[in-house]
Amino acid sequence: MTIHQISVFLENRAGQLAEITSVLARHNIDLRAINIAETTDYGVLRLIADKPQEAASVLLEQGFILSMTPVLAVSVPDEPGGLARVLEVLARENIDVEYMYSVFGQVDGRAHMIFRVADVEKLDAVLRASGIVPAEAGDLGVQ
């Protein structure tokens, strides 16, 4: 099942991450995963929130520029080779991973990874056909 990732575009200046996390905290929005990428001119903060629509609204109200992107959360055995098995399926099916990052914590000995690919529905179908069940939003505490 796809979930919504929020990508916030940031100026490269001290304090921006603190502003964003403080705004979300004041609105009782919890983060499930966070990733930041930067260039010399700007940064992109990618996050998974427990209430994605509310998080996006709050951040927009505060003047942040953002986009919502469908991503797939995949439950991976937290053991050596767990992630490799998932990535081998993607390689076999010629699915290119644009980026991925991990979710905070683990559930029942399984880690969760967020995958961004060109076609999340195809990724979902390929994984299911290989016996790998993507995580549900509820598994991550996401509405």
N, C-alpha and C. Protein backbone atom coordinates (compact mmCIF):
# COMPACT_ATOMS: atom_id res chain seq x y z
N MET A 1 0.84 -1.19 0.00
CA MET A 1 0.00 0.00 0.00
C MET A 1 0.88 1.24 0.00
N THR A 2 0.54 2.19 -0.82
CA THR A 2 1.33 3.42 -0.85
C THR A 2 0.95 4.31 0.33
N ILE A 3 1.91 5.09 0.76
CA ILE A 3 1.68 6.09 1.79
C ILE A 3 2.19 7.42 1.24
N HIS A 4 1.85 8.50 1.92
CA HIS A 4 2.24 9.82 1.44
C HIS A 4 3.46 10.34 2.19
N GLN A 5 4.47 10.67 1.41
CA GLN A 5 5.68 11.30 1.94
C GLN A 5 5.56 12.79 1.68
N ILE A 6 5.99 13.58 2.62
CA ILE A 6 6.04 15.03 2.45
C ILE A 6 7.48 15.42 2.18
N SER A 7 7.69 16.15 1.10
CA SER A 7 9.01 16.68 0.77
C SER A 7 8.95 18.19 0.96
N VAL A 8 9.77 18.70 1.86
CA VAL A 8 9.80 20.13 2.16
C VAL A 8 11.10 20.69 1.60
N PHE A 9 10.98 21.76 0.84
CA PHE A 9 12.16 22.40 0.26
C PHE A 9 12.68 23.44 1.24
N LEU A 10 13.99 23.35 1.53
CA LEU A 10 14.60 24.16 2.57
C LEU A 10 15.70 25.05 2.02
N GLU A 11 15.82 26.22 2.63
CA GLU A 11 17.00 27.05 2.39
C GLU A 11 18.14 26.41 3.16
N ASN A 12 19.35 26.59 2.68
CA ASN A 12 20.51 26.09 3.43
C ASN A 12 20.87 27.12 4.50
N ARG A 13 20.16 27.05 5.62
CA ARG A 13 20.45 27.94 6.74
C ARG A 13 20.15 27.21 8.04
N ALA A 14 20.89 27.58 9.06
CA ALA A 14 20.72 26.95 10.37
C ALA A 14 19.32 27.24 10.91
N GLY A 15 18.73 26.26 11.54
CA GLY A 15 17.48 26.45 12.23
C GLY A 15 16.23 25.99 11.49
N GLN A 16 16.33 25.72 10.18
CA GLN A 16 15.15 25.32 9.42
C GLN A 16 14.56 24.01 9.92
N LEU A 17 15.40 23.03 10.21
CA LEU A 17 14.89 21.75 10.70
C LEU A 17 14.21 21.92 12.05
N ALA A 18 14.78 22.75 12.90
CA ALA A 18 14.17 23.01 14.21
C ALA A 18 12.81 23.67 14.04
N GLU A 19 12.68 24.60 13.09
CA GLU A 19 11.39 25.25 12.84
C GLU A 19 10.33 24.23 12.43
N ILE A 20 10.69 23.37 11.50
CA ILE A 20 9.73 22.39 11.00
C ILE A 20 9.31 21.41 12.09
N THR A 21 10.28 20.85 12.79
CA THR A 21 9.93 19.87 13.82
C THR A 21 9.16 20.53 14.97
N SER A 22 9.46 21.78 15.29
CA SER A 22 8.71 22.48 16.34
C SER A 22 7.27 22.74 15.93
N VAL A 23 7.07 23.16 14.69
CA VAL A 23 5.72 23.39 14.18
C VAL A 23 4.90 22.10 14.26
N LEU A 24 5.49 21.00 13.81
CA LEU A 24 4.79 19.72 13.84
C LEU A 24 4.50 19.30 15.28
N ALA A 25 5.46 19.49 16.16
CA ALA A 25 5.27 19.11 17.57
C ALA A 25 4.14 19.91 18.21
N ARG A 26 4.07 21.21 17.91
CA ARG A 26 3.00 22.04 18.48
C ARG A 26 1.61 21.57 18.04
N HIS A 27 1.56 20.90 16.89
CA HIS A 27 0.29 20.40 16.38
C HIS A 27 0.11 18.90 16.66
N ASN A 28 0.94 18.38 17.55
CA ASN A 28 0.84 16.98 17.97
C ASN A 28 0.96 16.00 16.80
N ILE A 29 1.85 16.32 15.88
CA ILE A 29 2.11 15.45 14.73
C ILE A 29 3.43 14.75 14.97
N ASP A 30 3.39 13.42 14.89
CA ASP A 30 4.57 12.60 15.18
C ASP A 30 5.24 12.17 13.89
N LEU A 31 6.54 12.16 13.87
CA LEU A 31 7.30 11.71 12.71
C LEU A 31 7.58 10.22 12.80
N ARG A 32 7.43 9.53 11.71
CA ARG A 32 7.72 8.11 11.62
C ARG A 32 9.05 7.85 10.92
N ALA A 33 9.40 8.75 10.00
CA ALA A 33 10.68 8.63 9.28
C ALA A 33 11.07 10.02 8.79
N ILE A 34 12.36 10.23 8.66
CA ILE A 34 12.86 11.52 8.19
C ILE A 34 14.17 11.30 7.44
N ASN A 35 14.35 12.07 6.39
CA ASN A 35 15.56 11.98 5.58
C ASN A 35 15.83 13.37 5.01
N ILE A 36 17.07 13.76 4.93
CA ILE A 36 17.40 15.05 4.34
C ILE A 36 18.48 14.86 3.29
N ALA A 37 18.28 15.53 2.18
CA ALA A 37 19.27 15.56 1.11
C ALA A 37 19.55 17.04 0.82
N GLU A 38 20.76 17.34 0.46
CA GLU A 38 21.07 18.74 0.22
C GLU A 38 21.94 18.92 -1.00
N THR A 39 21.84 20.12 -1.54
CA THR A 39 22.73 20.57 -2.60
C THR A 39 23.38 21.85 -2.07
N THR A 40 24.15 22.51 -2.89
CA THR A 40 24.78 23.74 -2.42
C THR A 40 23.76 24.85 -2.23
N ASP A 41 22.63 24.79 -2.93
CA ASP A 41 21.65 25.87 -2.87
C ASP A 41 20.46 25.62 -1.97
N TYR A 42 20.07 24.39 -1.80
CA TYR A 42 18.87 24.09 -1.02
C TYR A 42 18.93 22.66 -0.50
N GLY A 43 17.99 22.35 0.36
CA GLY A 43 17.86 20.99 0.88
C GLY A 43 16.45 20.49 0.65
N VAL A 44 16.30 19.18 0.69
CA VAL A 44 14.98 18.57 0.62
C VAL A 44 14.82 17.67 1.83
N LEU A 45 13.84 17.99 2.65
CA LEU A 45 13.52 17.19 3.83
C LEU A 45 12.37 16.28 3.45
N ARG A 46 12.59 14.99 3.54
CA ARG A 46 11.54 14.02 3.27
C ARG A 46 11.09 13.44 4.60
N LEU A 47 9.79 13.41 4.81
CA LEU A 47 9.32 12.87 6.07
C LEU A 47 8.02 12.09 5.89
N ILE A 48 7.85 11.14 6.79
CA ILE A 48 6.61 10.39 6.92
C ILE A 48 6.05 10.78 8.29
N ALA A 49 4.83 11.31 8.30
CA ALA A 49 4.19 11.74 9.54
C ALA A 49 3.00 10.86 9.84
N ASP A 50 2.63 10.79 11.11
CA ASP A 50 1.47 9.97 11.48
C ASP A 50 0.18 10.55 10.91
N LYS A 51 0.13 11.85 10.67
CA LYS A 51 -1.04 12.50 10.08
C LYS A 51 -0.56 13.33 8.89
N PRO A 52 -0.33 12.69 7.74
CA PRO A 52 0.30 13.38 6.61
C PRO A 52 -0.48 14.58 6.08
N GLN A 53 -1.78 14.48 5.96
CA GLN A 53 -2.56 15.61 5.43
C GLN A 53 -2.50 16.81 6.37
N GLU A 54 -2.64 16.55 7.65
CA GLU A 54 -2.56 17.62 8.64
C GLU A 54 -1.16 18.23 8.67
N ALA A 55 -0.14 17.39 8.59
CA ALA A 55 1.24 17.89 8.59
C ALA A 55 1.46 18.80 7.39
N ALA A 56 1.01 18.38 6.22
CA ALA A 56 1.18 19.20 5.02
C ALA A 56 0.45 20.53 5.17
N SER A 57 -0.76 20.52 5.68
CA SER A 57 -1.53 21.76 5.86
C SER A 57 -0.83 22.72 6.81
N VAL A 58 -0.37 22.18 7.93
CA VAL A 58 0.31 23.01 8.93
C VAL A 58 1.58 23.64 8.34
N LEU A 59 2.35 22.85 7.64
CA LEU A 59 3.59 23.37 7.06
C LEU A 59 3.31 24.41 5.97
N LEU A 60 2.28 24.17 5.15
CA LEU A 60 1.91 25.16 4.14
C LEU A 60 1.47 26.47 4.79
N GLU A 61 0.69 26.37 5.87
CA GLU A 61 0.25 27.57 6.59
C GLU A 61 1.43 28.37 7.12
N GLN A 62 2.53 27.69 7.43
CA GLN A 62 3.72 28.36 7.95
C GLN A 62 4.63 28.88 6.82
N GLY A 63 4.20 28.69 5.57
CA GLY A 63 4.95 29.23 4.44
C GLY A 63 5.99 28.31 3.84
N PHE A 64 6.03 27.06 4.26
CA PHE A 64 6.99 26.13 3.68
C PHE A 64 6.50 25.66 2.31
N ILE A 65 7.42 25.43 1.42
CA ILE A 65 7.11 24.89 0.09
C ILE A 65 7.29 23.39 0.17
N LEU A 66 6.26 22.64 -0.25
CA LEU A 66 6.34 21.19 -0.12
C LEU A 66 5.58 20.50 -1.24
N SER A 67 5.79 19.22 -1.33
CA SER A 67 5.02 18.37 -2.24
C SER A 67 4.73 17.06 -1.52
N MET A 68 3.69 16.39 -1.98
CA MET A 68 3.33 15.07 -1.45
C MET A 68 3.68 14.05 -2.53
N THR A 69 4.32 12.96 -2.12
CA THR A 69 4.78 11.95 -3.06
C THR A 69 4.33 10.58 -2.58
N PRO A 70 3.79 9.75 -3.48
CA PRO A 70 3.48 8.39 -3.06
C PRO A 70 4.77 7.56 -2.97
N VAL A 71 4.90 6.84 -1.87
CA VAL A 71 6.04 5.95 -1.65
C VAL A 71 5.50 4.63 -1.12
N LEU A 72 6.34 3.63 -1.11
CA LEU A 72 5.93 2.33 -0.60
C LEU A 72 6.78 1.97 0.60
N ALA A 73 6.12 1.57 1.68
CA ALA A 73 6.83 1.08 2.87
C ALA A 73 6.90 -0.43 2.76
N VAL A 74 8.08 -0.97 2.96
CA VAL A 74 8.29 -2.40 2.85
C VAL A 74 8.84 -2.93 4.16
N SER A 75 8.22 -3.97 4.65
CA SER A 75 8.66 -4.63 5.88
C SER A 75 9.79 -5.58 5.53
N VAL A 76 10.92 -5.42 6.20
CA VAL A 76 12.13 -6.18 5.90
C VAL A 76 12.59 -6.90 7.16
N PRO A 77 12.87 -8.20 7.08
CA PRO A 77 13.41 -8.88 8.27
C PRO A 77 14.68 -8.17 8.76
N ASP A 78 14.73 -7.87 10.04
CA ASP A 78 15.89 -7.20 10.61
C ASP A 78 16.95 -8.24 10.93
N GLU A 79 17.61 -8.69 9.86
CA GLU A 79 18.64 -9.72 9.96
C GLU A 79 19.58 -9.56 8.78
N PRO A 80 20.77 -10.08 8.85
CA PRO A 80 21.67 -9.99 7.71
C PRO A 80 21.03 -10.56 6.45
N GLY A 81 21.03 -9.78 5.39
CA GLY A 81 20.47 -10.23 4.12
C GLY A 81 19.00 -9.89 3.93
N GLY A 82 18.32 -9.37 4.95
CA GLY A 82 16.90 -9.04 4.83
C GLY A 82 16.63 -8.03 3.73
N LEU A 83 17.37 -6.94 3.74
CA LEU A 83 17.21 -5.91 2.72
C LEU A 83 17.71 -6.41 1.37
N ALA A 84 18.79 -7.17 1.38
CA ALA A 84 19.34 -7.69 0.12
C ALA A 84 18.31 -8.52 -0.64
N ARG A 85 17.52 -9.32 0.07
CA ARG A 85 16.50 -10.14 -0.60
C ARG A 85 15.45 -9.27 -1.30
N VAL A 86 15.05 -8.19 -0.65
CA VAL A 86 14.09 -7.28 -1.27
C VAL A 86 14.71 -6.62 -2.51
N LEU A 87 15.93 -6.14 -2.37
CA LEU A 87 16.58 -5.46 -3.48
C LEU A 87 16.87 -6.40 -4.65
N GLU A 88 17.12 -7.67 -4.37
CA GLU A 88 17.32 -8.65 -5.44
C GLU A 88 16.07 -8.82 -6.29
N VAL A 89 14.90 -8.78 -5.63
CA VAL A 89 13.64 -8.85 -6.38
C VAL A 89 13.51 -7.65 -7.30
N LEU A 90 13.81 -6.47 -6.79
CA LEU A 90 13.73 -5.26 -7.60
C LEU A 90 14.71 -5.33 -8.78
N ALA A 91 15.92 -5.80 -8.53
CA ALA A 91 16.91 -5.90 -9.60
C ALA A 91 16.46 -6.89 -10.67
N ARG A 92 15.93 -8.01 -10.23
CA ARG A 92 15.46 -9.03 -11.17
C ARG A 92 14.34 -8.49 -12.07
N GLU A 93 13.50 -7.62 -11.51
CA GLU A 93 12.38 -7.04 -12.25
C GLU A 93 12.74 -5.70 -12.91
N ASN A 94 14.02 -5.32 -12.83
CA ASN A 94 14.52 -4.09 -13.45
C ASN A 94 13.79 -2.84 -12.93
N ILE A 95 13.55 -2.82 -11.62
CA ILE A 95 12.93 -1.65 -10.98
C ILE A 95 14.03 -0.82 -10.35
N ASP A 96 14.14 0.42 -10.80
CA ASP A 96 15.17 1.33 -10.32
C ASP A 96 14.69 2.04 -9.06
N VAL A 97 15.48 2.02 -8.01
CA VAL A 97 15.16 2.72 -6.77
C VAL A 97 15.71 4.14 -6.89
N GLU A 98 14.80 5.12 -6.86
CA GLU A 98 15.23 6.52 -6.91
C GLU A 98 15.91 6.90 -5.61
N TYR A 99 15.30 6.50 -4.49
CA TYR A 99 15.92 6.65 -3.18
C TYR A 99 15.14 5.80 -2.19
N MET A 100 15.74 5.57 -1.04
CA MET A 100 15.09 4.83 0.04
C MET A 100 15.69 5.28 1.36
N TYR A 101 14.94 5.07 2.42
CA TYR A 101 15.42 5.38 3.76
C TYR A 101 14.61 4.57 4.76
N SER A 102 15.08 4.51 5.98
CA SER A 102 14.44 3.65 6.97
C SER A 102 13.46 4.42 7.84
N VAL A 103 12.55 3.68 8.42
CA VAL A 103 11.55 4.20 9.35
C VAL A 103 12.11 4.03 10.77
N PHE A 104 11.74 4.94 11.67
CA PHE A 104 12.18 4.84 13.06
C PHE A 104 11.71 3.52 13.68
N GLY A 105 12.58 2.85 14.42
CA GLY A 105 12.22 1.66 15.17
C GLY A 105 11.92 0.45 14.30
N GLN A 106 11.40 -0.58 14.95
CA GLN A 106 11.02 -1.79 14.24
C GLN A 106 9.81 -2.41 14.93
N VAL A 107 9.12 -3.26 14.21
CA VAL A 107 7.92 -3.92 14.73
C VAL A 107 8.09 -5.41 14.56
N ASP A 108 7.96 -6.17 15.62
CA ASP A 108 8.04 -7.64 15.57
C ASP A 108 9.30 -8.13 14.87
N GLY A 109 10.45 -7.50 15.16
CA GLY A 109 11.71 -7.94 14.58
C GLY A 109 11.87 -7.60 13.11
N ARG A 110 11.06 -6.70 12.62
CA ARG A 110 11.13 -6.31 11.21
C ARG A 110 11.38 -4.80 11.13
N ALA A 111 12.30 -4.44 10.27
CA ALA A 111 12.55 -3.04 9.98
C ALA A 111 11.63 -2.63 8.83
N HIS A 112 11.41 -1.37 8.67
CA HIS A 112 10.61 -0.88 7.55
C HIS A 112 11.44 0.12 6.75
N MET A 113 11.37 -0.04 5.46
CA MET A 113 12.08 0.85 4.54
C MET A 113 11.06 1.58 3.68
N ILE A 114 11.35 2.82 3.36
CA ILE A 114 10.53 3.61 2.44
C ILE A 114 11.23 3.59 1.09
N PHE A 115 10.49 3.22 0.05
CA PHE A 115 11.03 3.15 -1.30
C PHE A 115 10.33 4.15 -2.20
N ARG A 116 11.10 4.92 -2.92
CA ARG A 116 10.57 5.79 -3.97
C ARG A 116 11.04 5.22 -5.30
N VAL A 117 10.08 4.86 -6.13
CA VAL A 117 10.34 4.34 -7.47
C VAL A 117 9.39 5.04 -8.42
N ALA A 118 9.62 4.90 -9.70
CA ALA A 118 8.77 5.56 -10.70
C ALA A 118 7.33 5.06 -10.65
N ASP A 119 7.14 3.77 -10.39
CA ASP A 119 5.80 3.18 -10.40
C ASP A 119 5.60 2.37 -9.13
N VAL A 120 5.00 3.00 -8.11
CA VAL A 120 4.84 2.32 -6.83
C VAL A 120 3.84 1.16 -6.92
N GLU A 121 2.85 1.25 -7.80
CA GLU A 121 1.90 0.15 -7.94
C GLU A 121 2.60 -1.09 -8.50
N LYS A 122 3.50 -0.88 -9.47
CA LYS A 122 4.25 -2.01 -10.02
C LYS A 122 5.13 -2.63 -8.94
N LEU A 123 5.80 -1.79 -8.17
CA LEU A 123 6.64 -2.30 -7.08
C LEU A 123 5.80 -3.10 -6.10
N ASP A 124 4.66 -2.60 -5.73
CA ASP A 124 3.77 -3.32 -4.82
C ASP A 124 3.42 -4.69 -5.39
N ALA A 125 3.02 -4.74 -6.66
CA ALA A 125 2.63 -6.01 -7.29
C ALA A 125 3.80 -6.98 -7.38
N VAL A 126 4.97 -6.49 -7.76
CA VAL A 126 6.16 -7.34 -7.90
C VAL A 126 6.55 -7.94 -6.55
N LEU A 127 6.53 -7.12 -5.51
CA LEU A 127 6.89 -7.62 -4.19
C LEU A 127 5.89 -8.67 -3.71
N ARG A 128 4.61 -8.39 -3.88
CA ARG A 128 3.58 -9.35 -3.46
C ARG A 128 3.72 -10.67 -4.21
N ALA A 129 4.02 -10.59 -5.52
CA ALA A 129 4.20 -11.81 -6.32
C ALA A 129 5.40 -12.61 -5.84
N SER A 130 6.36 -11.93 -5.19
CA SER A 130 7.55 -12.60 -4.67
C SER A 130 7.40 -13.01 -3.21
N GLY A 131 6.20 -12.82 -2.66
CA GLY A 131 5.97 -13.21 -1.28
C GLY A 131 6.39 -12.17 -0.25
N ILE A 132 6.68 -10.97 -0.71
CA ILE A 132 7.08 -9.88 0.20
C ILE A 132 5.89 -8.94 0.28
N VAL A 133 5.33 -8.82 1.47
CA VAL A 133 4.13 -7.99 1.63
C VAL A 133 4.53 -6.59 2.10
N PRO A 134 4.19 -5.58 1.31
CA PRO A 134 4.47 -4.21 1.76
C PRO A 134 3.74 -3.89 3.05
N ALA A 135 4.30 -3.01 3.82
CA ALA A 135 3.68 -2.60 5.09
C ALA A 135 2.45 -1.76 4.81
N GLU A 136 1.49 -1.85 5.70
CA GLU A 136 0.29 -1.03 5.63
C GLU A 136 0.57 0.26 6.41
N ALA A 137 -0.16 1.30 6.08
CA ALA A 137 0.01 2.57 6.78
C ALA A 137 -0.13 2.38 8.29
N GLY A 138 -1.10 1.58 8.69
CA GLY A 138 -1.32 1.33 10.12
C GLY A 138 -0.14 0.66 10.80
N ASP A 139 0.62 -0.15 10.05
CA ASP A 139 1.81 -0.79 10.61
C ASP A 139 2.83 0.24 11.06
N LEU A 140 2.79 1.41 10.41
CA LEU A 140 3.75 2.47 10.73
C LEU A 140 3.14 3.54 11.63
N GLY A 141 1.87 3.36 11.98
CA GLY A 141 1.21 4.38 12.79
C GLY A 141 0.85 5.61 11.99
N VAL A 142 0.58 5.41 10.70
CA VAL A 142 0.23 6.51 9.80
C VAL A 142 -1.24 6.41 9.45
N GLN A 143 -1.92 7.54 9.47
CA GLN A 143 -3.36 7.56 9.11
C GLN A 143 -3.54 7.51 7.61
